[in-house]
Amino acid sequence: MLHFKSLVILMTLMLVACGNGSTGASGSVSAADIGAGLSAGDYEIRFSGSLSDGGPWDSERGPVSVFHNSYREQRARADFPGRQGVERSEGEGPYLLRIQRLISRDGQEAQYGRVDIQLPPHAQAGHSYPIRGRFYAEDGQAYAELVSPGHLRDSGHTGWRENGNIGRAPITGQLQIAEIGEVLSASFELQVADGPDHPSYAQVSGRVFQVPIESLESREGRTLRVPPPDRN
């Protein structure tokens, strides 16, 4: 059984060799490598730095899901690279990978949070893709968001959101896709902020193995929002 840390090292070496092109670079990590120690439909995720894992989110929805999601258009601005929107289509994507967990920020009480990774349009198996924050992804790039309803503080419900927006910690990373079609097997590494000296610095790594991709029909009438836990 391949230990997760060994897998991460292997992936890193391969990603360095693959390059960082926005259209994807060929790789050779297999679904079997990514799925070592996992059952079909399962996942693994790790947090370090300012973020820590508070455990699985207890919900009627599964903690990990992959579904059709429109590739959002970013309005052209001088300080944003901009990208073209791509509408979702059955069997062709684009797709969003979502992992729901209880996440703690700087040791505070764990709250519902999620890690969203928007796969690039026409994502292919056997390719690696650079990841940016949602507001800084260039056309065709994968992008990520870390979201939580927030934590209770003296000032009330404040919330936090890390998406690479102006004035917030940038997100960079890599996505490796081993298989995509009816299921997704992939691994990813994200870094929030430029280095450990930044107060929001965090590292998030994970892998998903043969997670079914939900059909468009199954998403009809369902909202992507999940309410925060009852605070009473």
Protein backbone atom coordinates (compact mmCIF):
# COMPACT_ATOMS: atom_id res chain seq x y z
CA MET A 1 0.00 0.00 0.00
CA LEU A 2 1.38 3.34 -1.02
CA HIS A 3 1.45 5.77 1.88
CA PHE A 4 -0.17 9.15 1.18
CA LYS A 5 3.04 11.09 1.84
CA SER A 6 4.88 8.90 -0.64
CA LEU A 7 2.10 9.54 -3.13
CA VAL A 8 2.44 13.30 -2.65
CA ILE A 9 6.20 13.12 -3.27
CA LEU A 10 5.63 11.01 -6.37
CA MET A 11 3.01 13.43 -7.64
CA THR A 12 5.24 16.44 -7.01
CA LEU A 13 8.09 14.95 -9.03
CA MET A 14 5.74 14.16 -11.87
CA LEU A 15 4.17 17.61 -11.82
CA VAL A 16 7.58 19.25 -12.00
CA ALA A 17 8.31 17.12 -15.04
CA CYS A 18 4.91 17.88 -16.57
CA GLY A 19 5.12 21.66 -16.50
CA ASN A 20 2.45 24.25 -15.84
CA GLY A 21 0.63 24.87 -19.11
CA SER A 22 -2.97 26.02 -18.69
CA THR A 23 -4.09 23.48 -21.29
CA GLY A 24 -2.76 20.62 -19.21
CA ALA A 25 0.46 18.63 -19.34
CA SER A 26 0.70 14.89 -19.78
CA GLY A 27 1.26 12.85 -16.63
CA SER A 28 1.40 9.20 -15.67
CA VAL A 29 -0.12 8.89 -12.19
CA SER A 30 -2.71 6.14 -12.41
CA ALA A 31 -6.08 5.80 -10.71
CA ALA A 32 -4.62 2.86 -8.80
CA ASP A 33 -1.88 5.12 -7.41
CA ILE A 34 -4.35 7.79 -6.37
CA GLY A 35 -6.77 5.23 -4.92
CA ALA A 36 -4.21 3.31 -2.85
CA GLY A 37 -5.91 2.53 0.47
CA LEU A 38 -9.22 4.08 -0.57
CA SER A 39 -12.51 2.51 -1.61
CA ALA A 40 -14.37 3.64 -4.71
CA GLY A 41 -16.18 6.91 -3.95
CA ASP A 42 -13.86 7.76 -1.06
CA TYR A 43 -11.45 10.64 -0.51
CA GLU A 44 -8.65 11.93 1.69
CA ILE A 45 -7.81 15.54 2.56
CA ARG A 46 -5.24 17.22 4.79
CA PHE A 47 -4.84 20.76 6.11
CA SER A 48 -1.85 22.53 7.65
CA GLY A 49 -0.85 26.07 8.54
CA SER A 50 -3.66 28.43 9.56
CA LEU A 51 -6.30 25.81 8.67
CA SER A 52 -6.88 22.49 10.41
CA ASP A 53 -9.32 19.66 9.89
CA GLY A 54 -12.28 19.45 12.26
CA GLY A 55 -13.62 16.18 10.85
CA PRO A 56 -16.30 15.18 8.37
CA TRP A 57 -19.37 17.34 7.93
CA ASP A 58 -22.51 15.48 9.00
CA SER A 59 -25.08 16.06 6.27
CA GLU A 60 -27.52 14.19 4.08
CA ARG A 61 -25.19 14.96 1.20
CA GLY A 62 -21.97 13.06 0.88
CA PRO A 63 -18.79 14.83 2.00
CA VAL A 64 -17.32 14.59 -1.50
CA SER A 65 -19.12 15.19 -4.78
CA VAL A 66 -18.40 15.93 -8.42
CA PHE A 67 -21.01 17.61 -10.57
CA HIS A 68 -21.53 19.66 -13.72
CA ASN A 69 -20.87 23.31 -13.04
CA SER A 70 -20.63 26.24 -15.44
CA TYR A 71 -17.10 27.49 -15.93
CA ARG A 72 -17.66 31.05 -14.75
CA GLU A 73 -16.75 33.96 -16.94
CA GLN A 74 -14.53 36.55 -15.29
CA ARG A 75 -15.27 40.09 -16.44
CA ALA A 76 -12.21 41.61 -18.09
CA ARG A 77 -10.37 44.04 -15.82
CA ALA A 78 -6.88 45.45 -15.81
CA ASP A 79 -6.08 43.61 -12.57
CA PHE A 80 -7.74 40.28 -13.54
CA PRO A 81 -6.52 38.06 -16.38
CA GLY A 82 -10.08 37.23 -17.47
CA ARG A 83 -11.55 34.05 -18.91
CA GLN A 84 -14.41 32.86 -21.05
CA GLY A 85 -17.51 31.29 -19.51
CA VAL A 86 -18.37 27.73 -20.55
CA GLU A 87 -21.85 26.36 -20.03
CA ARG A 88 -22.23 22.91 -18.50
CA SER A 89 -23.30 20.05 -20.76
CA GLU A 90 -24.18 16.45 -20.05
CA GLY A 91 -21.22 14.14 -20.49
CA GLU A 92 -18.77 16.89 -21.41
CA GLY A 93 -18.36 19.00 -18.29
CA PRO A 94 -17.10 21.30 -17.02
CA TYR A 95 -17.13 19.79 -13.52
CA LEU A 96 -16.69 20.98 -9.96
CA LEU A 97 -15.05 18.90 -7.22
CA ARG A 98 -16.41 19.75 -3.77
CA ILE A 99 -15.21 18.42 -0.41
CA GLN A 100 -17.20 19.39 2.69
CA ARG A 101 -15.54 19.30 6.11
CA LEU A 102 -15.52 20.96 9.48
CA ILE A 103 -12.56 23.34 9.23
CA SER A 104 -10.88 25.29 12.01
CA ARG A 105 -9.19 28.63 11.40
CA ASP A 106 -6.20 29.39 13.63
CA GLY A 107 -7.35 26.92 16.28
CA GLN A 108 -10.82 28.39 16.66
CA GLU A 109 -14.00 26.36 16.83
CA ALA A 110 -14.44 24.14 13.78
CA GLN A 111 -17.19 25.27 11.42
CA TYR A 112 -18.65 23.91 8.22
CA GLY A 113 -16.37 24.62 5.29
CA ARG A 114 -15.73 23.40 1.82
CA VAL A 115 -12.93 23.12 -0.70
CA ASP A 116 -14.12 23.75 -4.25
CA ILE A 117 -11.97 22.98 -7.27
CA GLN A 118 -13.41 23.93 -10.63
CA LEU A 119 -11.94 21.62 -13.24
CA PRO A 120 -10.91 23.30 -16.47
CA PRO A 121 -13.14 22.93 -19.52
CA HIS A 122 -12.37 19.74 -21.45
CA ALA A 123 -10.31 18.30 -18.58
CA GLN A 124 -8.69 15.01 -19.59
CA ALA A 125 -7.37 11.95 -17.82
CA GLY A 126 -3.60 11.68 -17.66
CA HIS A 127 -3.09 15.43 -17.46
CA SER A 128 -2.04 17.88 -14.76
CA TYR A 129 -3.35 21.42 -14.53
CA PRO A 130 -2.27 24.53 -12.61
CA ILE A 131 -4.78 25.87 -10.09
CA ARG A 132 -5.29 29.52 -9.24
CA GLY A 133 -7.69 31.40 -7.02
CA ARG A 134 -11.07 31.98 -8.65
CA PHE A 135 -10.44 35.64 -9.48
CA TYR A 136 -6.98 35.12 -10.92
CA ALA A 137 -7.42 32.00 -13.04
CA GLU A 138 -6.68 32.60 -16.67
CA ASP A 139 -8.85 31.31 -19.47
CA GLY A 140 -8.90 27.51 -19.42
CA GLN A 141 -7.27 27.16 -15.99
CA ALA A 142 -8.62 25.23 -13.02
CA TYR A 143 -9.49 27.43 -10.06
CA ALA A 144 -10.19 26.94 -6.37
CA GLU A 145 -12.05 28.46 -3.45
CA LEU A 146 -11.94 27.72 0.27
CA VAL A 147 -15.19 28.77 1.90
CA SER A 148 -16.69 28.72 5.38
CA PRO A 149 -19.68 30.53 6.91
CA GLY A 150 -17.24 31.77 9.54
CA HIS A 151 -16.58 31.64 13.25
CA LEU A 152 -18.26 33.19 16.25
CA ARG A 153 -16.30 36.15 17.54
CA ASP A 154 -17.03 39.07 19.81
CA SER A 155 -18.18 41.04 16.79
CA GLY A 156 -20.50 38.26 15.63
CA HIS A 157 -20.63 36.08 12.56
CA THR A 158 -17.72 37.21 10.39
CA GLY A 159 -16.90 34.44 7.93
CA TRP A 160 -13.88 33.95 5.73
CA ARG A 161 -13.30 33.22 2.09
CA GLU A 162 -10.08 32.53 0.30
CA ASN A 163 -10.36 32.73 -3.44
CA GLY A 164 -7.35 34.67 -4.61
CA ASN A 165 -9.28 37.94 -4.76
CA ILE A 166 -7.57 41.31 -4.54
CA GLY A 167 -6.44 42.03 -0.99
CA ARG A 168 -6.79 38.39 0.02
CA ALA A 169 -4.31 35.55 0.15
CA PRO A 170 -3.62 34.11 -3.31
CA ILE A 171 -4.22 30.43 -4.04
CA THR A 172 -1.90 28.38 -6.22
CA GLY A 173 -1.64 24.66 -6.78
CA GLN A 174 -1.77 21.69 -9.07
CA LEU A 175 -4.48 19.22 -10.09
CA GLN A 176 -3.69 15.74 -11.39
CA ILE A 177 -6.48 13.80 -13.13
CA ALA A 178 -6.13 10.05 -13.47
CA GLU A 179 -9.61 9.24 -14.81
CA ILE A 180 -12.68 11.24 -15.70
CA GLY A 181 -15.94 10.17 -17.29
CA GLU A 182 -18.60 8.50 -15.19
CA VAL A 183 -16.24 8.82 -12.22
CA LEU A 184 -13.38 11.11 -11.19
CA SER A 185 -10.06 10.00 -9.74
CA ALA A 186 -7.78 12.94 -9.05
CA SER A 187 -5.37 14.47 -6.58
CA PHE A 188 -4.57 18.08 -5.78
CA GLU A 189 -2.29 20.36 -3.80
CA LEU A 190 -3.21 23.93 -2.84
CA GLN A 191 -1.22 26.65 -1.15
CA VAL A 192 -2.90 29.71 0.32
CA ALA A 193 -0.63 32.79 0.50
CA ASP A 194 2.96 33.08 -0.62
CA GLY A 195 4.72 31.74 2.46
CA PRO A 196 4.54 30.76 6.14
CA ASP A 197 4.97 34.37 7.27
CA HIS A 198 1.57 35.30 5.87
CA PRO A 199 -1.17 35.08 8.56
CA SER A 200 -3.44 33.14 6.18
CA TYR A 201 -0.78 30.70 5.01
CA ALA A 202 -2.18 27.20 4.62
CA GLN A 203 -1.60 24.04 2.65
CA VAL A 204 -4.41 21.74 1.54
CA SER A 205 -3.80 18.43 -0.21
CA GLY A 206 -6.16 15.65 -1.11
CA ARG A 207 -7.22 12.88 -3.42
CA VAL A 208 -10.52 11.44 -4.58
CA PHE A 209 -10.96 7.95 -5.99
CA GLN A 210 -13.66 6.97 -8.46
CA VAL A 211 -16.18 9.49 -7.14
CA PRO A 212 -19.31 9.30 -9.34
CA ILE A 213 -20.00 12.38 -11.43
CA GLU A 214 -23.58 13.43 -10.83
CA SER A 215 -25.78 13.90 -13.86
CA LEU A 216 -27.34 17.22 -14.73
CA GLU A 217 -30.75 15.72 -14.05
CA SER A 218 -29.78 14.78 -10.50
CA ARG A 219 -28.77 18.40 -9.82
CA GLU A 220 -32.07 19.91 -10.91
CA GLY A 221 -33.79 21.83 -8.14
CA ARG A 222 -30.85 21.46 -5.77
CA THR A 223 -28.99 24.41 -4.33
CA LEU A 224 -25.22 24.41 -3.86
CA ARG A 225 -25.50 26.30 -0.58
CA VAL A 226 -25.31 24.45 2.71
CA PRO A 227 -26.54 26.34 5.80
CA PRO A 228 -24.09 26.87 8.65
CA PRO A 229 -24.50 24.76 11.79
CA ASP A 230 -27.16 25.72 14.31
CA ARG A 231 -25.49 28.19 16.65
CA ASN A 232 -28.17 28.15 19.35
